[in-house]
PDB file of all heavy atoms in Angstrom:
ATOM      1  N   ILE A   1     112.380 112.191 117.873  1.00  0.00           N
ATOM      2  CA  ILE A   1     112.167 113.650 117.828  1.00  0.00           C
ATOM      3  C   ILE A   1     113.326 114.377 118.502  1.00  0.00           C
ATOM      4  O   ILE A   1     113.840 115.375 118.000  1.00  0.00           O
ATOM      5  CB  ILE A   1     110.826 113.996 118.534  1.00  0.00           C
ATOM      6  CG1 ILE A   1     109.625 113.485 117.717  1.00  0.00           C
ATOM      7  CG2 ILE A   1     110.716 115.502 118.708  1.00  0.00           C
ATOM      8  CD1 ILE A   1     108.313 113.612 118.404  1.00  0.00           C
ATOM      9  N   LYS A   2     113.749 113.821 119.637  1.00  0.00           N
ATOM     10  CA  LYS A   2     114.851 114.449 120.411  1.00  0.00           C
ATOM     11  C   LYS A   2     116.138 114.491 119.614  1.00  0.00           C
ATOM     12  O   LYS A   2     116.855 115.503 119.667  1.00  0.00           O
ATOM     13  CB  LYS A   2     115.057 113.645 121.707  1.00  0.00           C
ATOM     14  CG  LYS A   2     116.180 114.147 122.587  1.00  0.00           C
ATOM     15  CD  LYS A   2     116.309 113.281 123.851  1.00  0.00           C
ATOM     16  CE  LYS A   2     117.424 113.767 124.741  1.00  0.00           C
ATOM     17  NZ  LYS A   2     117.533 112.954 125.973  1.00  0.00           N
ATOM     18  N   TYR A   3     116.432 113.431 118.850  1.00  0.00           N
ATOM     19  CA  TYR A   3     117.714 113.366 118.128  1.00  0.00           C
ATOM     20  C   TYR A   3     117.536 113.595 116.624  1.00  0.00           C
ATOM     21  O   TYR A   3     118.495 113.353 115.864  1.00  0.00           O
ATOM     22  CB  TYR A   3     118.357 112.012 118.386  1.00  0.00           C
ATOM     23  CG  TYR A   3     118.781 111.822 119.831  1.00  0.00           C
ATOM     24  CD1 TYR A   3     118.059 110.981 120.666  1.00  0.00           C
ATOM     25  CD2 TYR A   3     119.867 112.509 120.328  1.00  0.00           C
ATOM     26  CE1 TYR A   3     118.446 110.807 122.000  1.00  0.00           C
ATOM     27  CE2 TYR A   3     120.252 112.359 121.668  1.00  0.00           C
ATOM     28  CZ  TYR A   3     119.535 111.500 122.481  1.00  0.00           C
ATOM     29  OH  TYR A   3     119.905 111.351 123.808  1.00  0.00           O
ATOM     30  N   ASN A   4     116.370 114.073 116.214  1.00  0.00           N
ATOM     31  CA  ASN A   4     116.119 114.405 114.826  1.00  0.00           C
ATOM     32  C   ASN A   4     116.367 113.208 113.896  1.00  0.00           C
ATOM     33  O   ASN A   4     117.056 113.289 112.895  1.00  0.00           O
ATOM     34  CB  ASN A   4     116.989 115.577 114.405  1.00  0.00           C
ATOM     35  CG  ASN A   4     116.529 116.193 113.073  1.00  0.00           C
ATOM     36  OD1 ASN A   4     115.326 116.149 112.757  1.00  0.00           O
ATOM     37  ND2 ASN A   4     117.443 116.769 112.325  1.00  0.00           N
ATOM     38  N   ILE A   5     115.764 112.053 114.271  1.00  0.00           N
ATOM     39  CA  ILE A   5     115.878 110.822 113.485  1.00  0.00           C
ATOM     40  C   ILE A   5     114.535 110.568 112.816  1.00  0.00           C
ATOM     41  O   ILE A   5     113.483 110.696 113.435  1.00  0.00           O
ATOM     42  CB  ILE A   5     116.263 109.615 114.386  1.00  0.00           C
ATOM     43  CG1 ILE A   5     117.529 109.915 115.174  1.00  0.00           C
ATOM     44  CG2 ILE A   5     116.373 108.361 113.560  1.00  0.00           C
ATOM     45  CD1 ILE A   5     118.750 110.056 114.339  1.00  0.00           C
ATOM     46  N   LYS A   6     114.568 110.185 111.557  1.00  0.00           N
ATOM     47  CA  LYS A   6     113.335 109.907 110.814  1.00  0.00           C
ATOM     48  C   LYS A   6     112.653 108.613 111.277  1.00  0.00           C
ATOM     49  O   LYS A   6     113.332 107.633 111.503  1.00  0.00           O
ATOM     50  CB  LYS A   6     113.659 109.817 109.317  1.00  0.00           C
ATOM     51  CG  LYS A   6     112.429 109.679 108.424  1.00  0.00           C
ATOM     52  CD  LYS A   6     111.634 110.966 108.344  1.00  0.00           C
ATOM     53  CE  LYS A   6     110.522 110.861 107.322  1.00  0.00           C
ATOM     54  NZ  LYS A   6     109.714 112.078 107.263  1.00  0.00           N
ATOM     55  N   TRP A   7     111.352 108.634 111.443  1.00  0.00           N
ATOM     56  CA  TRP A   7     110.618 107.444 111.792  1.00  0.00           C
ATOM     57  C   TRP A   7     109.331 107.323 110.947  1.00  0.00           C
ATOM     58  O   TRP A   7     108.864 108.303 110.403  1.00  0.00           O
ATOM     59  CB  TRP A   7     110.245 107.418 113.275  1.00  0.00           C
ATOM     60  CG  TRP A   7     108.988 108.166 113.620  1.00  0.00           C
ATOM     61  CD1 TRP A   7     107.696 107.669 113.635  1.00  0.00           C
ATOM     62  CD2 TRP A   7     108.874 109.539 113.981  1.00  0.00           C
ATOM     63  NE1 TRP A   7     106.823 108.665 113.974  1.00  0.00           N
ATOM     64  CE2 TRP A   7     107.495 109.814 114.165  1.00  0.00           C
ATOM     65  CE3 TRP A   7     109.802 110.590 114.107  1.00  0.00           C
ATOM     66  CZ2 TRP A   7     107.039 111.105 114.516  1.00  0.00           C
ATOM     67  CZ3 TRP A   7     109.366 111.855 114.442  1.00  0.00           C
ATOM     68  CH2 TRP A   7     107.983 112.085 114.666  1.00  0.00           C
ATOM     69  N   PHE A   8     108.834 106.086 110.844  1.00  0.00           N
ATOM     70  CA  PHE A   8     107.616 105.824 110.129  1.00  0.00           C
ATOM     71  C   PHE A   8     106.722 104.927 111.000  1.00  0.00           C
ATOM     72  O   PHE A   8     107.171 103.930 111.521  1.00  0.00           O
ATOM     73  CB  PHE A   8     107.888 105.128 108.794  1.00  0.00           C
ATOM     74  CG  PHE A   8     108.628 105.976 107.789  1.00  0.00           C
ATOM     75  CD1 PHE A   8     110.012 106.068 107.811  1.00  0.00           C
ATOM     76  CD2 PHE A   8     107.904 106.715 106.837  1.00  0.00           C
ATOM     77  CE1 PHE A   8     110.675 106.849 106.880  1.00  0.00           C
ATOM     78  CE2 PHE A   8     108.584 107.535 105.916  1.00  0.00           C
ATOM     79  CZ  PHE A   8     109.963 107.577 105.938  1.00  0.00           C
ATOM     80  N   ASP A   9     105.441 105.322 111.095  1.00  0.00           N
ATOM     81  CA  ASP A   9     104.504 104.496 111.826  1.00  0.00           C
ATOM     82  C   ASP A   9     103.919 103.481 110.832  1.00  0.00           C
ATOM     83  O   ASP A   9     103.285 103.825 109.856  1.00  0.00           O
ATOM     84  CB  ASP A   9     103.360 105.340 112.395  1.00  0.00           C
ATOM     85  CG  ASP A   9     103.822 106.159 113.594  1.00  0.00           C
ATOM     86  OD1 ASP A   9     104.636 105.668 114.381  1.00  0.00           O
ATOM     87  OD2 ASP A   9     103.388 107.330 113.726  1.00  0.00           O
ATOM     88  N   ILE A  10     104.169 102.190 111.098  1.00  0.00           N
ATOM     89  CA  ILE A  10     103.716 101.116 110.246  1.00  0.00           C
ATOM     90  C   ILE A  10     102.439 100.537 110.804  1.00  0.00           C
ATOM     91  O   ILE A  10     102.445  99.705 111.691  1.00  0.00           O
ATOM     92  CB  ILE A  10     104.797 100.012 110.144  1.00  0.00           C
ATOM     93  CG1 ILE A  10     106.147 100.605 109.774  1.00  0.00           C
ATOM     94  CG2 ILE A  10     104.377  98.949 109.123  1.00  0.00           C
ATOM     95  CD1 ILE A  10     106.213 101.277 108.439  1.00  0.00           C
ATOM     96  N   ASP A  11     101.286 101.078 110.331  1.00  0.00           N
ATOM     97  CA  ASP A  11     100.024 100.607 110.885  1.00  0.00           C
ATOM     98  C   ASP A  11      99.149 100.003 109.772  1.00  0.00           C
ATOM     99  O   ASP A  11      99.643  99.239 108.943  1.00  0.00           O
ATOM    100  CB  ASP A  11      99.283 101.762 111.578  1.00  0.00           C
ATOM    101  CG  ASP A  11      99.389 103.074 110.768  1.00  0.00           C
ATOM    102  OD1 ASP A  11      99.339 102.975 109.532  1.00  0.00           O
ATOM    103  OD2 ASP A  11      99.492 104.152 111.381  1.00  0.00           O
ATOM    104  N   GLU A  12      97.839 100.358 109.723  1.00  0.00           N
ATOM    105  CA  GLU A  12      96.969  99.776 108.718  1.00  0.00           C
ATOM    106  C   GLU A  12      97.414 100.069 107.304  1.00  0.00           C
ATOM    107  O   GLU A  12      97.135  99.309 106.369  1.00  0.00           O
ATOM    108  CB  GLU A  12      95.521 100.249 108.911  1.00  0.00           C
ATOM    109  CG  GLU A  12      94.766  99.527 110.022  1.00  0.00           C
ATOM    110  CD  GLU A  12      95.147 100.029 111.412  1.00  0.00           C
ATOM    111  OE1 GLU A  12      95.985 100.967 111.482  1.00  0.00           O
ATOM    112  OE2 GLU A  12      94.635  99.505 112.391  1.00  0.00           O
ATOM    113  N   GLN A  13      98.058 101.175 107.067  1.00  0.00           N
ATOM    114  CA  GLN A  13      98.570 101.538 105.740  1.00  0.00           C
ATOM    115  C   GLN A  13     100.036 101.147 105.604  1.00  0.00           C
ATOM    116  O   GLN A  13     100.836 101.888 105.058  1.00  0.00           O
ATOM    117  CB  GLN A  13      98.386 103.052 105.490  1.00  0.00           C
ATOM    118  CG  GLN A  13      96.930 103.477 105.434  1.00  0.00           C
ATOM    119  CD  GLN A  13      96.814 104.978 105.187  1.00  0.00           C
ATOM    120  OE1 GLN A  13      97.483 105.795 105.800  1.00  0.00           O
ATOM    121  NE2 GLN A  13      95.934 105.345 104.251  1.00  0.00           N
ATOM    122  N   TRP A  14     100.355  99.965 106.105  1.00  0.00           N
ATOM    123  CA  TRP A  14     101.756  99.584 106.222  1.00  0.00           C
ATOM    124  C   TRP A  14     102.479  99.549 104.886  1.00  0.00           C
ATOM    125  O   TRP A  14     103.640  99.871 104.807  1.00  0.00           O
ATOM    126  CB  TRP A  14     101.881  98.249 106.942  1.00  0.00           C
ATOM    127  CG  TRP A  14     101.420  97.061 106.158  1.00  0.00           C
ATOM    128  CD1 TRP A  14     100.142  96.539 106.136  1.00  0.00           C
ATOM    129  CD2 TRP A  14     102.178  96.257 105.244  1.00  0.00           C
ATOM    130  NE1 TRP A  14     100.093  95.470 105.290  1.00  0.00           N
ATOM    131  CE2 TRP A  14     101.317  95.271 104.729  1.00  0.00           C
ATOM    132  CE3 TRP A  14     103.522  96.288 104.853  1.00  0.00           C
ATOM    133  CZ2 TRP A  14     101.743  94.319 103.819  1.00  0.00           C
ATOM    134  CZ3 TRP A  14     103.944  95.339 103.938  1.00  0.00           C
ATOM    135  CH2 TRP A  14     103.073  94.363 103.440  1.00  0.00           C
ATOM    136  N   GLU A  15     101.793  99.154 103.800  1.00  0.00           N
ATOM    137  CA  GLU A  15     102.465  99.092 102.496  1.00  0.00           C
ATOM    138  C   GLU A  15     102.914 100.461 102.044  1.00  0.00           C
ATOM    139  O   GLU A  15     103.995 100.650 101.530  1.00  0.00           O
ATOM    140  CB  GLU A  15     101.534  98.450 101.459  1.00  0.00           C
ATOM    141  CG  GLU A  15     101.295  96.987 101.687  1.00  0.00           C
ATOM    142  CD  GLU A  15     100.535  96.323 100.537  1.00  0.00           C
ATOM    143  OE1 GLU A  15     100.687  96.812  99.401  1.00  0.00           O
ATOM    144  OE2 GLU A  15      99.796  95.370 100.784  1.00  0.00           O
ATOM    145  N   ILE A  16     102.042 101.453 102.258  1.00  0.00           N
ATOM    146  CA  ILE A  16     102.377 102.859 101.875  1.00  0.00           C
ATOM    147  C   ILE A  16     103.500 103.359 102.741  1.00  0.00           C
ATOM    148  O   ILE A  16     104.481 103.958 102.222  1.00  0.00           O
ATOM    149  CB  ILE A  16     101.135 103.749 101.988  1.00  0.00           C
ATOM    150  CG1 ILE A  16     100.033 103.315 101.004  1.00  0.00           C
ATOM    151  CG2 ILE A  16     101.515 105.220 101.775  1.00  0.00           C
ATOM    152  CD1 ILE A  16      98.751 104.073 101.165  1.00  0.00           C
ATOM    153  N   LYS A  17     103.393 103.155 104.056  1.00  0.00           N
ATOM    154  CA  LYS A  17     104.428 103.661 104.983  1.00  0.00           C
ATOM    155  C   LYS A  17     105.743 102.947 104.778  1.00  0.00           C
ATOM    156  O   LYS A  17     106.831 103.567 104.796  1.00  0.00           O
ATOM    157  CB  LYS A  17     103.960 103.472 106.433  1.00  0.00           C
ATOM    158  CG  LYS A  17     102.649 104.128 106.773  1.00  0.00           C
ATOM    159  CD  LYS A  17     102.786 105.636 106.757  1.00  0.00           C
ATOM    160  CE  LYS A  17     101.470 106.289 107.157  1.00  0.00           C
ATOM    161  NZ  LYS A  17     101.090 106.008 108.540  1.00  0.00           N
ATOM    162  N   TRP A  18     105.685 101.636 104.547  1.00  0.00           N
ATOM    163  CA  TRP A  18     106.896 100.840 104.345  1.00  0.00           C
ATOM    164  C   TRP A  18     107.604 101.272 103.064  1.00  0.00           C
ATOM    165  O   TRP A  18     108.845 101.397 103.059  1.00  0.00           O
ATOM    166  CB  TRP A  18     106.500  99.363 104.297  1.00  0.00           C
ATOM    167  CG  TRP A  18     107.602  98.384 104.421  1.00  0.00           C
ATOM    168  CD1 TRP A  18     108.194  97.940 105.584  1.00  0.00           C
ATOM    169  CD2 TRP A  18     108.294  97.700 103.359  1.00  0.00           C
ATOM    170  NE1 TRP A  18     109.190  97.032 105.273  1.00  0.00           N
ATOM    171  CE2 TRP A  18     109.277  96.869 103.961  1.00  0.00           C
ATOM    172  CE3 TRP A  18     108.178  97.716 101.956  1.00  0.00           C
ATOM    173  CZ2 TRP A  18     110.100  96.066 103.201  1.00  0.00           C
ATOM    174  CZ3 TRP A  18     108.989  96.914 101.214  1.00  0.00           C
ATOM    175  CH2 TRP A  18     109.964  96.106 101.839  1.00  0.00           C
ATOM    176  N   THR A  19     106.851 101.512 102.011  1.00  0.00           N
ATOM    177  CA  THR A  19     107.420 101.994 100.747  1.00  0.00           C
ATOM    178  C   THR A  19     108.021 103.373 100.916  1.00  0.00           C
ATOM    179  O   THR A  19     109.078 103.695 100.358  1.00  0.00           O
ATOM    180  CB  THR A  19     106.354 101.997  99.639  1.00  0.00           C
ATOM    181  OG1 THR A  19     105.841 100.697  99.455  1.00  0.00           O
ATOM    182  CG2 THR A  19     106.950 102.497  98.320  1.00  0.00           C
ATOM    183  N   SER A  20     107.342 104.207 101.731  1.00  0.00           N
ATOM    184  CA  SER A  20     107.879 105.541 101.995  1.00  0.00           C
ATOM    185  C   SER A  20     109.209 105.466 102.707  1.00  0.00           C
ATOM    186  O   SER A  20     110.122 106.232 102.439  1.00  0.00           O
ATOM    187  CB  SER A  20     106.887 106.332 102.859  1.00  0.00           C
ATOM    188  OG  SER A  20     105.686 106.559 102.149  1.00  0.00           O
ATOM    189  N   ALA A  21     109.341 104.527 103.646  1.00  0.00           N
ATOM    190  CA  ALA A  21     110.592 104.333 104.370  1.00  0.00           C
ATOM    191  C   ALA A  21     111.699 103.892 103.402  1.00  0.00           C
ATOM    192  O   ALA A  21     112.823 104.386 103.466  1.00  0.00           O
ATOM    193  CB  ALA A  21     110.395 103.288 105.478  1.00  0.00           C
ATOM    194  N   TYR A  22     111.364 102.978 102.524  1.00  0.00           N
ATOM    195  CA  TYR A  22     112.341 102.533 101.531  1.00  0.00           C
ATOM    196  C   TYR A  22     112.794 103.657 100.626  1.00  0.00           C
ATOM    197  O   TYR A  22     114.008 103.841 100.396  1.00  0.00           O
ATOM    198  CB  TYR A  22     111.700 101.398 100.682  1.00  0.00           C
ATOM    199  CG  TYR A  22     112.527 100.974  99.495  1.00  0.00           C
ATOM    200  CD1 TYR A  22     113.600 100.073  99.630  1.00  0.00           C
ATOM    201  CD2 TYR A  22     112.258 101.500  98.220  1.00  0.00           C
ATOM    202  CE1 TYR A  22     114.345  99.701  98.549  1.00  0.00           C
ATOM    203  CE2 TYR A  22     113.021 101.120  97.129  1.00  0.00           C
ATOM    204  CZ  TYR A  22     114.064 100.205  97.303  1.00  0.00           C
ATOM    205  OH  TYR A  22     114.830  99.857  96.189  1.00  0.00           O
ATOM    206  N   ASN A  23     111.849 104.432 100.119  1.00  0.00           N
ATOM    207  CA  ASN A  23     112.177 105.561  99.221  1.00  0.00           C
ATOM    208  C   ASN A  23     113.002 106.611  99.961  1.00  0.00           C
ATOM    209  O   ASN A  23     113.948 107.206  99.390  1.00  0.00           O
ATOM    210  CB  ASN A  23     110.901 106.199  98.668  1.00  0.00           C
ATOM    211  CG  ASN A  23     110.202 105.267  97.679  1.00  0.00           C
ATOM    212  OD1 ASN A  23     110.793 104.444  97.035  1.00  0.00           O
ATOM    213  ND2 ASN A  23     108.875 105.443  97.531  1.00  0.00           N
ATOM    214  N   PHE A  24     112.678 106.841 101.217  1.00  0.00           N
ATOM    215  CA  PHE A  24     113.447 107.816 102.006  1.00  0.00           C
ATOM    216  C   PHE A  24     114.921 107.402 102.119  1.00  0.00           C
ATOM    217  O   PHE A  24     115.816 108.208 101.910  1.00  0.00           O
ATOM    218  CB  PHE A  24     112.851 107.970 103.402  1.00  0.00           C
ATOM    219  CG  PHE A  24     113.675 108.766 104.331  1.00  0.00           C
ATOM    220  CD1 PHE A  24     113.649 110.147 104.334  1.00  0.00           C
ATOM    221  CD2 PHE A  24     114.534 108.132 105.264  1.00  0.00           C
ATOM    222  CE1 PHE A  24     114.419 110.917 105.181  1.00  0.00           C
ATOM    223  CE2 PHE A  24     115.329 108.887 106.124  1.00  0.00           C
ATOM    224  CZ  PHE A  24     115.266 110.273 106.087  1.00  0.00           C
ATOM    225  N   ILE A  25     115.147 106.146 102.397  1.00  0.00           N
ATOM    226  CA  ILE A  25     116.530 105.645 102.541  1.00  0.00           C
ATOM    227  C   ILE A  25     117.280 105.785 101.220  1.00  0.00           C
ATOM    228  O   ILE A  25     118.402 106.289 101.176  1.00  0.00           O
ATOM    229  CB  ILE A  25     116.519 104.192 103.041  1.00  0.00           C
ATOM    230  CG1 ILE A  25     116.015 104.134 104.463  1.00  0.00           C
ATOM    231  CG2 ILE A  25     117.936 103.586 102.942  1.00  0.00           C
ATOM    232  CD1 ILE A  25     115.846 102.709 104.994  1.00  0.00           C
ATOM    233  N   VAL A  26     116.671 105.322 100.119  1.00  0.00           N
ATOM    234  CA  VAL A  26     117.335 105.338  98.816  1.00  0.00           C
ATOM    235  C   VAL A  26     117.677 106.786  98.441  1.00  0.00           C
ATOM    236  O   VAL A  26     118.787 107.057  97.969  1.00  0.00           O
ATOM    237  CB  VAL A  26     116.446 104.690  97.736  1.00  0.00           C
ATOM    238  CG1 VAL A  26     117.026 104.928  96.344  1.00  0.00           C
ATOM    239  CG2 VAL A  26     116.311 103.200  98.024  1.00  0.00           C
ATOM    240  N   ASN A  27     116.763 107.719  98.677  1.00  0.00           N
ATOM    241  CA  ASN A  27     117.000 109.110  98.345  1.00  0.00           C
ATOM    242  C   ASN A  27     118.090 109.724  99.222  1.00  0.00           C
ATOM    243  O   ASN A  27     118.948 110.469  98.760  1.00  0.00           O
ATOM    244  CB  ASN A  27     115.717 109.929  98.491  1.00  0.00           C
ATOM    245  CG  ASN A  27     114.694 109.570  97.426  1.00  0.00           C
ATOM    246  OD1 ASN A  27     115.034 109.120  96.329  1.00  0.00           O
ATOM    247  ND2 ASN A  27     113.401 109.753  97.747  1.00  0.00           N
TER     248      ASN A  27
END
C-alpha cells in the first residue's frame, strides 16, 4: 500500500486469485 504495489491474497479462493494475478501481469 505504501509503495503502490499490486498484491493478491491467496486464500480459499486461491485458483481465482492466482488466475487474477496471472492476468494482471500479462495485461
